Amino acid sequence: MRIPVSIRHIVHRLDPSRHGRRPGPAAAPLLVVVAGTVMAFSACAPRQAIVESEPGRAAPTAAGEATLRSDLLQLASAQEDYEADNGFYAARAADLGFSASSGVRVDIIQGDRNGWSAVASSGEAECGMYEGGIRSPRGYLTEAGTVMCR
């Protein structure tokens, strides 16, 4: 078996005109089909509408809600570490060394030996979470240990 020694040699061996075939416009129809498919899918893709609840104030976006969820999950992790060290959950975010993302307000509603609850808000969006044997601080929070948004 012969091993090619240079890139030029490899390119020469792969050249279709060397085998009596001419390179043709075979790629052009494929490109047209791919471009048409992409345009069709992009026209059908759902777009996120901006719905205004008050004049000049946009409704919460999925990205904003994701930030709230992320902050609450980070808070949950900090609460678990705090409880492991102290035997009870923190009642203040400052006790955890926790700081929320820019534009997000996180309020710990309850923190004691039984569990903890918190709500994160930004603009119109609000998400919450609670853990342990305590009551849900908001009606939309129906499952302990899960971040839920209204």
N, C-alpha and C. Protein backbone atom coordinates (compact mmCIF):
# COMPACT_ATOMS: atom_id res chain seq x y z
N MET A 1 0.85 -1.18 0.00
CA MET A 1 0.00 0.00 0.00
C MET A 1 0.89 1.24 0.00
N ARG A 2 0.54 2.15 -0.88
CA ARG A 2 1.31 3.37 -1.01
C ARG A 2 0.68 4.48 -0.17
N ILE A 3 1.46 5.19 0.59
CA ILE A 3 0.96 6.27 1.44
C ILE A 3 1.25 7.59 0.75
N PRO A 4 0.23 8.45 0.52
CA PRO A 4 0.47 9.75 -0.11
C PRO A 4 1.39 10.60 0.76
N VAL A 5 2.24 11.33 0.14
CA VAL A 5 3.23 12.10 0.89
C VAL A 5 2.92 13.59 0.96
N SER A 6 1.98 14.06 0.17
CA SER A 6 1.70 15.50 0.23
C SER A 6 0.22 15.76 0.01
N ILE A 7 -0.21 16.90 0.45
CA ILE A 7 -1.59 17.34 0.27
C ILE A 7 -1.89 17.47 -1.22
N ARG A 8 -0.93 17.97 -1.96
CA ARG A 8 -1.13 18.15 -3.40
C ARG A 8 -1.41 16.81 -4.07
N HIS A 9 -0.72 15.80 -3.63
CA HIS A 9 -0.93 14.46 -4.17
C HIS A 9 -2.34 13.96 -3.84
N ILE A 10 -2.81 14.22 -2.60
CA ILE A 10 -4.16 13.79 -2.19
C ILE A 10 -5.21 14.52 -3.02
N VAL A 11 -5.05 15.83 -3.19
CA VAL A 11 -6.01 16.61 -3.97
C VAL A 11 -6.04 16.12 -5.41
N HIS A 12 -4.90 15.83 -5.96
CA HIS A 12 -4.83 15.32 -7.33
C HIS A 12 -5.57 13.99 -7.46
N ARG A 13 -5.43 13.11 -6.48
CA ARG A 13 -6.10 11.81 -6.54
C ARG A 13 -7.61 11.96 -6.41
N LEU A 14 -8.09 12.97 -5.69
CA LEU A 14 -9.52 13.16 -5.51
C LEU A 14 -10.18 13.98 -6.61
N ASP A 15 -9.42 14.53 -7.52
CA ASP A 15 -9.95 15.38 -8.59
C ASP A 15 -10.83 14.55 -9.51
N PRO A 16 -12.16 14.90 -9.63
CA PRO A 16 -13.06 14.11 -10.46
C PRO A 16 -12.73 14.18 -11.95
N SER A 17 -12.12 15.26 -12.40
CA SER A 17 -11.79 15.36 -13.83
C SER A 17 -10.69 14.36 -14.21
N ARG A 18 -9.93 13.90 -13.25
CA ARG A 18 -8.88 12.92 -13.50
C ARG A 18 -9.48 11.58 -13.93
N HIS A 19 -10.70 11.31 -13.50
CA HIS A 19 -11.36 10.04 -13.82
C HIS A 19 -12.34 10.18 -14.98
N GLY A 20 -12.25 11.21 -15.75
CA GLY A 20 -13.12 11.41 -16.90
C GLY A 20 -14.45 12.06 -16.55
N ARG A 21 -14.62 12.45 -15.32
CA ARG A 21 -15.85 13.15 -14.93
C ARG A 21 -15.56 14.63 -14.77
N ARG A 22 -16.46 15.42 -15.28
CA ARG A 22 -16.29 16.86 -15.13
C ARG A 22 -17.04 17.32 -13.89
N PRO A 23 -16.42 18.21 -13.12
CA PRO A 23 -17.19 18.78 -12.02
C PRO A 23 -18.30 19.62 -12.61
N GLY A 24 -19.51 19.40 -12.14
CA GLY A 24 -20.63 20.12 -12.73
C GLY A 24 -21.43 20.85 -11.68
N PRO A 25 -22.57 21.33 -12.09
CA PRO A 25 -23.40 22.11 -11.18
C PRO A 25 -24.26 21.23 -10.27
N ALA A 26 -23.79 20.05 -9.88
CA ALA A 26 -24.56 19.15 -9.04
C ALA A 26 -24.85 19.77 -7.67
N ALA A 27 -23.97 20.60 -7.19
CA ALA A 27 -24.18 21.21 -5.88
C ALA A 27 -25.21 22.33 -5.92
N ALA A 28 -25.39 22.95 -7.07
CA ALA A 28 -26.32 24.08 -7.17
C ALA A 28 -27.77 23.68 -6.86
N PRO A 29 -28.32 22.59 -7.44
CA PRO A 29 -29.69 22.23 -7.08
C PRO A 29 -29.83 21.88 -5.60
N LEU A 30 -28.82 21.25 -5.02
CA LEU A 30 -28.87 20.92 -3.60
C LEU A 30 -28.89 22.19 -2.75
N LEU A 31 -28.09 23.17 -3.13
CA LEU A 31 -28.06 24.44 -2.42
C LEU A 31 -29.42 25.13 -2.48
N VAL A 32 -30.08 25.09 -3.63
CA VAL A 32 -31.40 25.70 -3.78
C VAL A 32 -32.41 25.00 -2.89
N VAL A 33 -32.36 23.68 -2.84
CA VAL A 33 -33.29 22.92 -2.00
C VAL A 33 -33.06 23.24 -0.53
N VAL A 34 -31.81 23.27 -0.09
CA VAL A 34 -31.50 23.56 1.31
C VAL A 34 -31.93 24.98 1.67
N ALA A 35 -31.62 25.94 0.81
CA ALA A 35 -32.01 27.33 1.08
C ALA A 35 -33.52 27.47 1.14
N GLY A 36 -34.23 26.81 0.24
CA GLY A 36 -35.69 26.86 0.26
C GLY A 36 -36.27 26.24 1.51
N THR A 37 -35.70 25.14 1.95
CA THR A 37 -36.17 24.49 3.18
C THR A 37 -35.95 25.38 4.39
N VAL A 38 -34.79 25.99 4.48
CA VAL A 38 -34.49 26.88 5.60
C VAL A 38 -35.46 28.06 5.62
N MET A 39 -35.72 28.64 4.46
CA MET A 39 -36.66 29.77 4.40
C MET A 39 -38.06 29.34 4.78
N ALA A 40 -38.48 28.16 4.36
CA ALA A 40 -39.82 27.68 4.71
C ALA A 40 -39.95 27.47 6.20
N PHE A 41 -38.94 26.84 6.83
CA PHE A 41 -38.99 26.62 8.27
C PHE A 41 -38.93 27.93 9.04
N SER A 42 -38.13 28.87 8.59
CA SER A 42 -38.04 30.14 9.31
C SER A 42 -39.33 30.93 9.22
N ALA A 43 -40.06 30.78 8.12
CA ALA A 43 -41.34 31.46 7.99
C ALA A 43 -42.39 30.85 8.91
N CYS A 44 -42.25 29.55 9.19
CA CYS A 44 -43.22 28.85 10.03
C CYS A 44 -42.87 28.87 11.50
N ALA A 45 -41.64 29.24 11.84
CA ALA A 45 -41.19 29.21 13.23
C ALA A 45 -41.99 30.21 14.06
N PRO A 46 -42.37 29.81 15.28
CA PRO A 46 -43.12 30.73 16.12
C PRO A 46 -42.25 31.90 16.55
N ARG A 47 -42.84 33.04 16.57
CA ARG A 47 -42.12 34.23 17.01
C ARG A 47 -42.72 34.68 18.33
N GLN A 48 -41.85 35.16 19.20
CA GLN A 48 -42.32 35.62 20.50
C GLN A 48 -42.89 37.02 20.34
N ALA A 49 -44.15 37.13 20.67
CA ALA A 49 -44.82 38.42 20.55
C ALA A 49 -44.58 39.25 21.80
N ILE A 50 -44.51 40.53 21.64
CA ILE A 50 -44.43 41.43 22.78
C ILE A 50 -45.85 41.91 23.06
N VAL A 51 -46.34 41.50 24.21
CA VAL A 51 -47.70 41.86 24.60
C VAL A 51 -47.58 42.89 25.70
N GLU A 52 -48.20 44.01 25.52
CA GLU A 52 -48.09 45.06 26.52
C GLU A 52 -49.24 44.98 27.50
N SER A 53 -48.90 44.93 28.79
CA SER A 53 -49.93 44.91 29.82
C SER A 53 -50.31 46.32 30.24
N GLU A 54 -49.36 47.21 30.18
CA GLU A 54 -49.60 48.61 30.45
C GLU A 54 -48.92 49.40 29.34
N PRO A 55 -49.41 50.59 29.02
CA PRO A 55 -48.75 51.36 27.97
C PRO A 55 -47.26 51.57 28.29
N GLY A 56 -46.43 51.16 27.36
CA GLY A 56 -44.99 51.35 27.52
C GLY A 56 -44.29 50.30 28.36
N ARG A 57 -45.02 49.29 28.83
CA ARG A 57 -44.40 48.26 29.68
C ARG A 57 -44.67 46.89 29.07
N ALA A 58 -43.61 46.20 28.66
CA ALA A 58 -43.76 44.90 27.99
C ALA A 58 -43.99 43.80 29.02
N ALA A 59 -44.69 42.77 28.59
CA ALA A 59 -44.93 41.59 29.42
C ALA A 59 -43.62 40.83 29.61
N PRO A 60 -43.55 39.98 30.63
CA PRO A 60 -42.32 39.24 30.87
C PRO A 60 -41.96 38.32 29.72
N THR A 61 -40.68 38.18 29.48
CA THR A 61 -40.22 37.31 28.39
C THR A 61 -39.75 35.98 28.97
N ALA A 62 -39.59 35.01 28.09
CA ALA A 62 -39.09 33.71 28.52
C ALA A 62 -37.67 33.84 29.07
N ALA A 63 -36.87 34.73 28.49
CA ALA A 63 -35.50 34.92 28.98
C ALA A 63 -35.51 35.48 30.39
N GLY A 64 -36.40 36.43 30.67
CA GLY A 64 -36.52 36.99 32.01
C GLY A 64 -36.94 35.94 33.02
N GLU A 65 -37.89 35.09 32.63
CA GLU A 65 -38.34 34.02 33.50
C GLU A 65 -37.22 33.02 33.75
N ALA A 66 -36.41 32.75 32.76
CA ALA A 66 -35.28 31.83 32.92
C ALA A 66 -34.28 32.37 33.94
N THR A 67 -34.08 33.68 33.94
CA THR A 67 -33.18 34.30 34.91
C THR A 67 -33.73 34.14 36.32
N LEU A 68 -35.03 34.34 36.48
CA LEU A 68 -35.65 34.17 37.80
C LEU A 68 -35.49 32.73 38.28
N ARG A 69 -35.75 31.79 37.39
CA ARG A 69 -35.62 30.37 37.73
C ARG A 69 -34.18 30.05 38.14
N SER A 70 -33.23 30.55 37.37
CA SER A 70 -31.82 30.31 37.67
C SER A 70 -31.44 30.86 39.04
N ASP A 71 -31.88 32.08 39.34
CA ASP A 71 -31.57 32.68 40.64
C ASP A 71 -32.16 31.86 41.78
N LEU A 72 -33.39 31.37 41.61
CA LEU A 72 -34.01 30.58 42.67
C LEU A 72 -33.31 29.23 42.85
N LEU A 73 -32.85 28.64 41.78
CA LEU A 73 -32.11 27.38 41.91
C LEU A 73 -30.76 27.59 42.60
N GLN A 74 -30.12 28.72 42.33
CA GLN A 74 -28.88 29.05 43.02
C GLN A 74 -29.15 29.29 44.50
N LEU A 75 -30.25 29.96 44.80
CA LEU A 75 -30.64 30.21 46.19
C LEU A 75 -30.92 28.88 46.89
N ALA A 76 -31.58 27.95 46.22
CA ALA A 76 -31.87 26.64 46.81
C ALA A 76 -30.58 25.91 47.18
N SER A 77 -29.60 25.97 46.30
CA SER A 77 -28.31 25.34 46.57
C SER A 77 -27.64 25.98 47.77
N ALA A 78 -27.68 27.30 47.83
CA ALA A 78 -27.09 28.01 48.97
C ALA A 78 -27.82 27.68 50.26
N GLN A 79 -29.14 27.55 50.20
CA GLN A 79 -29.93 27.20 51.39
C GLN A 79 -29.56 25.80 51.89
N GLU A 80 -29.37 24.86 50.98
CA GLU A 80 -29.00 23.50 51.38
C GLU A 80 -27.65 23.48 52.07
N ASP A 81 -26.69 24.23 51.53
CA ASP A 81 -25.37 24.32 52.16
C ASP A 81 -25.48 24.97 53.54
N TYR A 82 -26.27 26.03 53.65
CA TYR A 82 -26.44 26.74 54.91
C TYR A 82 -27.08 25.83 55.96
N GLU A 83 -28.09 25.08 55.54
CA GLU A 83 -28.79 24.18 56.48
C GLU A 83 -27.86 23.06 56.95
N ALA A 84 -27.02 22.56 56.06
CA ALA A 84 -26.08 21.51 56.43
C ALA A 84 -25.09 22.00 57.48
N ASP A 85 -24.70 23.26 57.39
CA ASP A 85 -23.74 23.83 58.35
C ASP A 85 -24.38 24.29 59.65
N ASN A 86 -25.63 24.79 59.59
CA ASN A 86 -26.25 25.44 60.74
C ASN A 86 -27.44 24.70 61.36
N GLY A 87 -28.01 23.75 60.65
CA GLY A 87 -29.15 23.01 61.19
C GLY A 87 -30.49 23.68 60.94
N PHE A 88 -30.49 24.81 60.26
CA PHE A 88 -31.73 25.51 59.88
C PHE A 88 -31.47 26.32 58.63
N TYR A 89 -32.55 26.75 57.99
CA TYR A 89 -32.44 27.50 56.75
C TYR A 89 -32.36 29.00 57.04
N ALA A 90 -31.69 29.73 56.18
CA ALA A 90 -31.49 31.17 56.35
C ALA A 90 -32.79 31.93 56.09
N ALA A 91 -32.99 32.97 56.87
CA ALA A 91 -34.17 33.83 56.71
C ALA A 91 -33.84 35.07 55.88
N ARG A 92 -32.55 35.30 55.63
CA ARG A 92 -32.14 36.45 54.84
C ARG A 92 -31.12 36.02 53.79
N ALA A 93 -31.23 36.58 52.59
CA ALA A 93 -30.29 36.25 51.51
C ALA A 93 -28.88 36.67 51.87
N ALA A 94 -28.74 37.74 52.64
CA ALA A 94 -27.42 38.21 53.04
C ALA A 94 -26.70 37.17 53.89
N ASP A 95 -27.44 36.38 54.68
CA ASP A 95 -26.82 35.33 55.49
C ASP A 95 -26.21 34.24 54.62
N LEU A 96 -26.71 34.11 53.41
CA LEU A 96 -26.22 33.09 52.48
C LEU A 96 -25.06 33.59 51.62
N GLY A 97 -24.85 34.91 51.62
CA GLY A 97 -23.89 35.49 50.70
C GLY A 97 -24.41 35.46 49.27
N PHE A 98 -25.71 35.42 49.13
CA PHE A 98 -26.37 35.31 47.82
C PHE A 98 -26.69 36.69 47.28
N SER A 99 -26.42 36.89 46.00
CA SER A 99 -26.87 38.12 45.35
C SER A 99 -27.55 37.75 44.04
N ALA A 100 -28.69 38.33 43.80
CA ALA A 100 -29.50 38.04 42.62
C ALA A 100 -28.90 38.68 41.38
N SER A 101 -29.36 38.22 40.22
CA SER A 101 -28.95 38.79 38.94
C SER A 101 -29.40 40.24 38.85
N SER A 102 -28.79 40.98 37.95
CA SER A 102 -29.15 42.37 37.74
C SER A 102 -30.61 42.49 37.34
N GLY A 103 -31.34 43.37 38.02
CA GLY A 103 -32.74 43.60 37.72
C GLY A 103 -33.70 42.60 38.35
N VAL A 104 -33.17 41.69 39.16
CA VAL A 104 -33.99 40.67 39.82
C VAL A 104 -34.00 40.93 41.33
N ARG A 105 -35.18 40.83 41.91
CA ARG A 105 -35.32 40.96 43.36
C ARG A 105 -35.70 39.60 43.92
N VAL A 106 -34.94 39.12 44.89
CA VAL A 106 -35.24 37.84 45.54
C VAL A 106 -35.54 38.12 47.00
N ASP A 107 -36.72 37.68 47.45
CA ASP A 107 -37.13 37.83 48.83
C ASP A 107 -37.32 36.46 49.46
N ILE A 108 -36.59 36.21 50.56
CA ILE A 108 -36.83 34.99 51.31
C ILE A 108 -38.01 35.28 52.24
N ILE A 109 -39.08 34.56 52.07
CA ILE A 109 -40.29 34.79 52.85
C ILE A 109 -40.20 34.10 54.20
N GLN A 110 -39.66 32.89 54.19
CA GLN A 110 -39.53 32.14 55.44
C GLN A 110 -38.25 31.33 55.38
N GLY A 111 -37.59 31.23 56.52
CA GLY A 111 -36.42 30.38 56.64
C GLY A 111 -36.25 29.99 58.09
N ASP A 112 -36.41 28.71 58.40
CA ASP A 112 -36.28 28.22 59.77
C ASP A 112 -35.92 26.73 59.73
N ARG A 113 -36.11 26.04 60.85
CA ARG A 113 -35.75 24.61 60.91
C ARG A 113 -36.64 23.75 60.01
N ASN A 114 -37.85 24.21 59.73
CA ASN A 114 -38.81 23.42 58.96
C ASN A 114 -38.63 23.51 57.45
N GLY A 115 -38.07 24.60 56.98
CA GLY A 115 -37.90 24.77 55.54
C GLY A 115 -37.69 26.22 55.18
N TRP A 116 -37.85 26.52 53.91
CA TRP A 116 -37.67 27.89 53.44
C TRP A 116 -38.56 28.14 52.23
N SER A 117 -38.84 29.41 51.98
CA SER A 117 -39.59 29.81 50.79
C SER A 117 -39.06 31.14 50.32
N ALA A 118 -39.11 31.33 49.01
CA ALA A 118 -38.60 32.58 48.43
C ALA A 118 -39.35 32.88 47.14
N VAL A 119 -39.35 34.17 46.81
CA VAL A 119 -39.97 34.65 45.58
C VAL A 119 -38.96 35.54 44.87
N ALA A 120 -38.83 35.34 43.55
CA ALA A 120 -37.97 36.19 42.73
C ALA A 120 -38.86 36.94 41.75
N SER A 121 -38.59 38.23 41.58
CA SER A 121 -39.42 39.02 40.66
C SER A 121 -38.55 39.97 39.86
N SER A 122 -39.08 40.28 38.66
CA SER A 122 -38.44 41.24 37.78
C SER A 122 -39.53 41.78 36.88
N GLY A 123 -39.83 43.05 37.02
CA GLY A 123 -40.92 43.62 36.23
C GLY A 123 -42.23 42.93 36.55
N GLU A 124 -42.90 42.42 35.54
CA GLU A 124 -44.18 41.74 35.72
C GLU A 124 -44.03 40.26 36.08
N ALA A 125 -42.85 39.69 35.87
CA ALA A 125 -42.64 38.26 36.10
C ALA A 125 -42.38 37.98 37.57
N GLU A 126 -42.91 36.84 38.04
CA GLU A 126 -42.64 36.40 39.41
C GLU A 126 -42.58 34.88 39.43
N CYS A 127 -41.55 34.36 40.07
CA CYS A 127 -41.39 32.93 40.26
C CYS A 127 -41.11 32.69 41.73
N GLY A 128 -41.42 31.51 42.19
CA GLY A 128 -41.18 31.19 43.59
C GLY A 128 -40.80 29.74 43.78
N MET A 129 -40.38 29.45 45.00
CA MET A 129 -39.98 28.09 45.34
C MET A 129 -40.06 27.95 46.85
N TYR A 130 -40.42 26.76 47.30
CA TYR A 130 -40.35 26.48 48.73
C TYR A 130 -39.90 25.05 48.93
N GLU A 131 -39.36 24.78 50.12
CA GLU A 131 -38.79 23.47 50.41
C GLU A 131 -39.05 23.14 51.86
N GLY A 132 -39.30 21.89 52.13
CA GLY A 132 -39.49 21.43 53.50
C GLY A 132 -40.95 21.37 53.88
N GLY A 133 -41.18 21.31 55.18
CA GLY A 133 -42.54 21.15 55.70
C GLY A 133 -43.22 22.46 56.02
N ILE A 134 -43.15 23.41 55.13
CA ILE A 134 -43.81 24.70 55.33
C ILE A 134 -44.92 24.88 54.30
N ARG A 135 -45.76 25.86 54.55
CA ARG A 135 -46.85 26.15 53.60
C ARG A 135 -46.32 26.94 52.42
N SER A 136 -46.99 26.75 51.31
CA SER A 136 -46.64 27.49 50.10
C SER A 136 -46.93 28.98 50.33
N PRO A 137 -45.98 29.85 49.99
CA PRO A 137 -46.19 31.28 50.20
C PRO A 137 -47.10 31.93 49.15
N ARG A 138 -47.31 31.25 48.01
CA ARG A 138 -48.14 31.79 46.93
C ARG A 138 -49.04 30.67 46.41
N GLY A 139 -50.20 31.03 45.94
CA GLY A 139 -51.15 30.05 45.43
C GLY A 139 -50.65 29.27 44.22
N TYR A 140 -49.82 29.88 43.40
CA TYR A 140 -49.34 29.20 42.21
C TYR A 140 -48.23 28.19 42.51
N LEU A 141 -47.67 28.24 43.70
CA LEU A 141 -46.64 27.28 44.10
C LEU A 141 -47.32 26.05 44.69
N THR A 142 -47.44 25.02 43.89
CA THR A 142 -48.21 23.85 44.30
C THR A 142 -47.35 22.63 44.60
N GLU A 143 -46.05 22.71 44.34
CA GLU A 143 -45.18 21.56 44.56
C GLU A 143 -43.86 21.99 45.20
N ALA A 144 -43.59 21.45 46.38
CA ALA A 144 -42.35 21.78 47.08
C ALA A 144 -41.13 21.32 46.29
N GLY A 145 -40.06 22.12 46.32
CA GLY A 145 -38.83 21.75 45.65
C GLY A 145 -38.79 22.05 44.17
N THR A 146 -39.81 22.72 43.66
CA THR A 146 -39.89 23.01 42.23
C THR A 146 -40.10 24.52 42.03
N VAL A 147 -39.32 25.10 41.13
CA VAL A 147 -39.51 26.51 40.80
C VAL A 147 -40.75 26.61 39.91
N MET A 148 -41.68 27.48 40.29
CA MET A 148 -42.90 27.69 39.50
C MET A 148 -43.11 29.19 39.32
N CYS A 149 -43.66 29.56 38.18
CA CYS A 149 -43.89 30.96 37.87
C CYS A 149 -45.37 31.19 37.62
N ARG A 150 -45.79 32.40 37.92
CA ARG A 150 -47.20 32.73 37.67
C ARG A 150 -47.37 33.35 36.32
